[in-house]
Amino acid sequence: MNEADSENIAASFRRRGFELTDEIKKADAVVVNTCTVRQRAEDKAISQIGRLRLWKEKRPEGKLFVVGCAAQNM
């Protein structure tokens, strides 16, 4: 389900003219799709959000979207 949600999110960005990239330095926006099915997945998402702090400090205009069931529960 989480993969399907991620694909839907990516498609929504593409429809709005965004291009996807795997290079964080090129990103104008980052989406972290969280999950609470397993504690490890939730921990990994929280860790990823923490690592994105540097990106956000270097790109204050950048948008960080945290979505999914763990985000909703937090």
N, C-alpha and C. Protein backbone atom coordinates (compact mmCIF):
# COMPACT_ATOMS: atom_id res chain seq x y z
N MET A 1 0.83 -1.20 0.00
CA MET A 1 0.00 0.00 0.00
C MET A 1 0.87 1.26 0.00
N ASN A 2 1.93 1.25 0.80
CA ASN A 2 2.80 2.41 0.89
C ASN A 2 3.45 2.70 -0.46
N GLU A 3 3.87 1.66 -1.18
CA GLU A 3 4.47 1.85 -2.50
C GLU A 3 3.45 2.46 -3.47
N ALA A 4 2.23 1.98 -3.40
CA ALA A 4 1.18 2.53 -4.27
C ALA A 4 0.93 4.00 -3.93
N ASP A 5 0.91 4.33 -2.65
CA ASP A 5 0.74 5.72 -2.23
C ASP A 5 1.89 6.58 -2.76
N SER A 6 3.11 6.06 -2.66
CA SER A 6 4.28 6.80 -3.14
C SER A 6 4.18 7.05 -4.64
N GLU A 7 3.75 6.06 -5.39
CA GLU A 7 3.59 6.23 -6.84
C GLU A 7 2.52 7.26 -7.16
N ASN A 8 1.43 7.26 -6.40
CA ASN A 8 0.37 8.26 -6.60
C ASN A 8 0.88 9.67 -6.29
N ILE A 9 1.67 9.79 -5.26
CA ILE A 9 2.24 11.10 -4.90
C ILE A 9 3.17 11.57 -6.02
N ALA A 10 4.03 10.67 -6.50
CA ALA A 10 4.96 11.01 -7.58
C ALA A 10 4.19 11.43 -8.83
N ALA A 11 3.15 10.70 -9.16
CA ALA A 11 2.34 11.03 -10.34
C ALA A 11 1.70 12.41 -10.19
N SER A 12 1.27 12.73 -8.99
CA SER A 12 0.67 14.04 -8.73
C SER A 12 1.69 15.16 -8.96
N PHE A 13 2.91 14.96 -8.51
CA PHE A 13 3.96 15.95 -8.73
C PHE A 13 4.27 16.07 -10.22
N ARG A 14 4.34 14.93 -10.93
CA ARG A 14 4.62 14.97 -12.37
C ARG A 14 3.55 15.75 -13.12
N ARG A 15 2.27 15.54 -12.75
CA ARG A 15 1.17 16.26 -13.41
C ARG A 15 1.29 17.77 -13.22
N ARG A 16 1.95 18.16 -12.15
CA ARG A 16 2.10 19.59 -11.87
C ARG A 16 3.41 20.15 -12.44
N GLY A 17 4.09 19.35 -13.27
CA GLY A 17 5.27 19.84 -13.95
C GLY A 17 6.59 19.57 -13.25
N PHE A 18 6.58 18.87 -12.13
CA PHE A 18 7.82 18.54 -11.44
C PHE A 18 8.49 17.35 -12.10
N GLU A 19 9.81 17.30 -11.99
CA GLU A 19 10.58 16.15 -12.44
C GLU A 19 11.12 15.45 -11.20
N LEU A 20 11.12 14.14 -11.22
CA LEU A 20 11.66 13.38 -10.10
C LEU A 20 13.16 13.26 -10.22
N THR A 21 13.84 13.25 -9.07
CA THR A 21 15.28 13.08 -9.03
C THR A 21 15.66 12.25 -7.82
N ASP A 22 16.74 11.52 -7.95
CA ASP A 22 17.29 10.78 -6.81
C ASP A 22 18.41 11.57 -6.15
N GLU A 23 18.71 12.74 -6.69
CA GLU A 23 19.79 13.57 -6.17
C GLU A 23 19.22 14.67 -5.29
N ILE A 24 19.42 14.53 -4.00
CA ILE A 24 18.84 15.45 -3.03
C ILE A 24 19.30 16.89 -3.28
N LYS A 25 20.53 17.07 -3.76
CA LYS A 25 21.04 18.42 -4.01
C LYS A 25 20.25 19.15 -5.10
N LYS A 26 19.61 18.40 -6.00
CA LYS A 26 18.83 19.00 -7.08
C LYS A 26 17.36 19.21 -6.69
N ALA A 27 16.94 18.66 -5.58
CA ALA A 27 15.52 18.65 -5.23
C ALA A 27 15.04 20.00 -4.71
N ASP A 28 13.87 20.40 -5.20
CA ASP A 28 13.17 21.57 -4.68
C ASP A 28 12.19 21.16 -3.58
N ALA A 29 11.82 19.89 -3.62
CA ALA A 29 10.89 19.35 -2.63
C ALA A 29 11.26 17.89 -2.37
N VAL A 30 11.02 17.46 -1.14
CA VAL A 30 11.29 16.08 -0.74
C VAL A 30 10.03 15.55 -0.05
N VAL A 31 9.64 14.34 -0.42
CA VAL A 31 8.49 13.69 0.20
C VAL A 31 8.98 12.47 0.96
N VAL A 32 8.65 12.39 2.24
CA VAL A 32 8.94 11.21 3.05
C VAL A 32 7.59 10.57 3.35
N ASN A 33 7.37 9.40 2.77
CA ASN A 33 6.12 8.68 2.97
C ASN A 33 6.33 7.67 4.10
N THR A 34 5.70 7.91 5.23
CA THR A 34 5.94 7.12 6.43
C THR A 34 4.96 5.96 6.57
N CYS A 35 5.32 5.02 7.44
CA CYS A 35 4.50 3.83 7.65
C CYS A 35 4.62 3.40 9.11
N THR A 36 3.52 2.91 9.68
CA THR A 36 3.57 2.44 11.06
C THR A 36 3.34 0.94 11.18
N VAL A 37 3.38 0.23 10.05
CA VAL A 37 3.14 -1.21 10.10
C VAL A 37 4.20 -1.89 10.97
N ARG A 38 5.43 -1.45 10.84
CA ARG A 38 6.52 -1.99 11.65
C ARG A 38 7.26 -0.83 12.30
N GLN A 39 7.69 -1.04 13.53
CA GLN A 39 8.41 0.01 14.27
C GLN A 39 9.68 0.42 13.53
N ARG A 40 10.35 -0.55 12.93
CA ARG A 40 11.60 -0.24 12.20
C ARG A 40 11.34 0.75 11.06
N ALA A 41 10.25 0.58 10.34
CA ALA A 41 9.91 1.50 9.25
C ALA A 41 9.68 2.90 9.78
N GLU A 42 8.98 2.99 10.90
CA GLU A 42 8.74 4.31 11.50
C GLU A 42 10.04 4.94 11.96
N ASP A 43 10.92 4.13 12.59
CA ASP A 43 12.22 4.64 13.05
C ASP A 43 13.07 5.13 11.89
N LYS A 44 13.05 4.40 10.78
CA LYS A 44 13.82 4.79 9.60
C LYS A 44 13.31 6.11 9.03
N ALA A 45 12.00 6.30 9.03
CA ALA A 45 11.43 7.54 8.52
C ALA A 45 11.85 8.72 9.39
N ILE A 46 11.78 8.54 10.69
CA ILE A 46 12.18 9.61 11.61
C ILE A 46 13.65 9.94 11.43
N SER A 47 14.48 8.92 11.26
CA SER A 47 15.91 9.13 11.02
C SER A 47 16.14 9.89 9.71
N GLN A 48 15.40 9.51 8.67
CA GLN A 48 15.53 10.19 7.37
C GLN A 48 15.15 11.66 7.49
N ILE A 49 14.11 11.94 8.22
CA ILE A 49 13.68 13.33 8.42
C ILE A 49 14.79 14.11 9.12
N GLY A 50 15.43 13.50 10.10
CA GLY A 50 16.54 14.14 10.80
C GLY A 50 17.71 14.43 9.86
N ARG A 51 18.02 13.49 8.97
CA ARG A 51 19.11 13.70 8.01
C ARG A 51 18.77 14.81 7.02
N LEU A 52 17.51 15.03 6.77
CA LEU A 52 17.10 16.07 5.82
C LEU A 52 17.24 17.48 6.41
N ARG A 53 17.57 17.56 7.67
CA ARG A 53 17.75 18.86 8.31
C ARG A 53 18.82 19.69 7.59
N LEU A 54 19.94 19.07 7.24
CA LEU A 54 21.00 19.78 6.52
C LEU A 54 20.51 20.31 5.18
N TRP A 55 19.75 19.47 4.46
CA TRP A 55 19.20 19.90 3.17
C TRP A 55 18.32 21.13 3.37
N LYS A 56 17.48 21.09 4.39
CA LYS A 56 16.55 22.19 4.64
C LYS A 56 17.29 23.45 5.07
N GLU A 57 18.36 23.30 5.84
CA GLU A 57 19.14 24.46 6.25
C GLU A 57 19.81 25.12 5.04
N LYS A 58 20.27 24.30 4.08
CA LYS A 58 20.92 24.84 2.88
C LYS A 58 19.90 25.38 1.88
N ARG A 59 18.68 24.88 1.95
CA ARG A 59 17.61 25.29 1.01
C ARG A 59 16.36 25.67 1.81
N PRO A 60 16.37 26.80 2.48
CA PRO A 60 15.21 27.17 3.29
C PRO A 60 13.92 27.29 2.48
N GLU A 61 14.06 27.54 1.16
CA GLU A 61 12.88 27.64 0.30
C GLU A 61 12.36 26.25 -0.10
N GLY A 62 13.16 25.21 0.14
CA GLY A 62 12.75 23.85 -0.20
C GLY A 62 11.59 23.38 0.66
N LYS A 63 10.79 22.52 0.09
CA LYS A 63 9.61 22.01 0.79
C LYS A 63 9.83 20.57 1.20
N LEU A 64 9.57 20.28 2.45
CA LEU A 64 9.66 18.92 2.98
C LEU A 64 8.25 18.46 3.34
N PHE A 65 7.79 17.43 2.65
CA PHE A 65 6.47 16.87 2.91
C PHE A 65 6.63 15.56 3.65
N VAL A 66 6.03 15.45 4.82
CA VAL A 66 6.04 14.20 5.58
C VAL A 66 4.60 13.72 5.59
N VAL A 67 4.38 12.58 4.93
CA VAL A 67 3.02 12.07 4.72
C VAL A 67 2.96 10.62 5.18
N GLY A 68 1.77 10.06 5.19
CA GLY A 68 1.59 8.66 5.54
C GLY A 68 1.05 8.46 6.93
N CYS A 69 0.85 7.21 7.29
CA CYS A 69 0.16 6.92 8.55
C CYS A 69 0.99 7.30 9.78
N ALA A 70 2.31 7.16 9.74
CA ALA A 70 3.12 7.57 10.89
C ALA A 70 3.05 9.08 11.08
N ALA A 71 3.10 9.81 9.99
CA ALA A 71 3.00 11.28 10.07
C ALA A 71 1.65 11.68 10.67
N GLN A 72 0.62 10.98 10.26
CA GLN A 72 -0.71 11.28 10.76
C GLN A 72 -0.80 10.99 12.26
N ASN A 73 -0.18 9.91 12.72
CA ASN A 73 -0.21 9.54 14.13
C ASN A 73 0.62 10.47 15.00
N MET A 74 1.69 11.05 14.41
CA MET A 74 2.55 11.94 15.18
C MET A 74 1.88 13.27 15.37
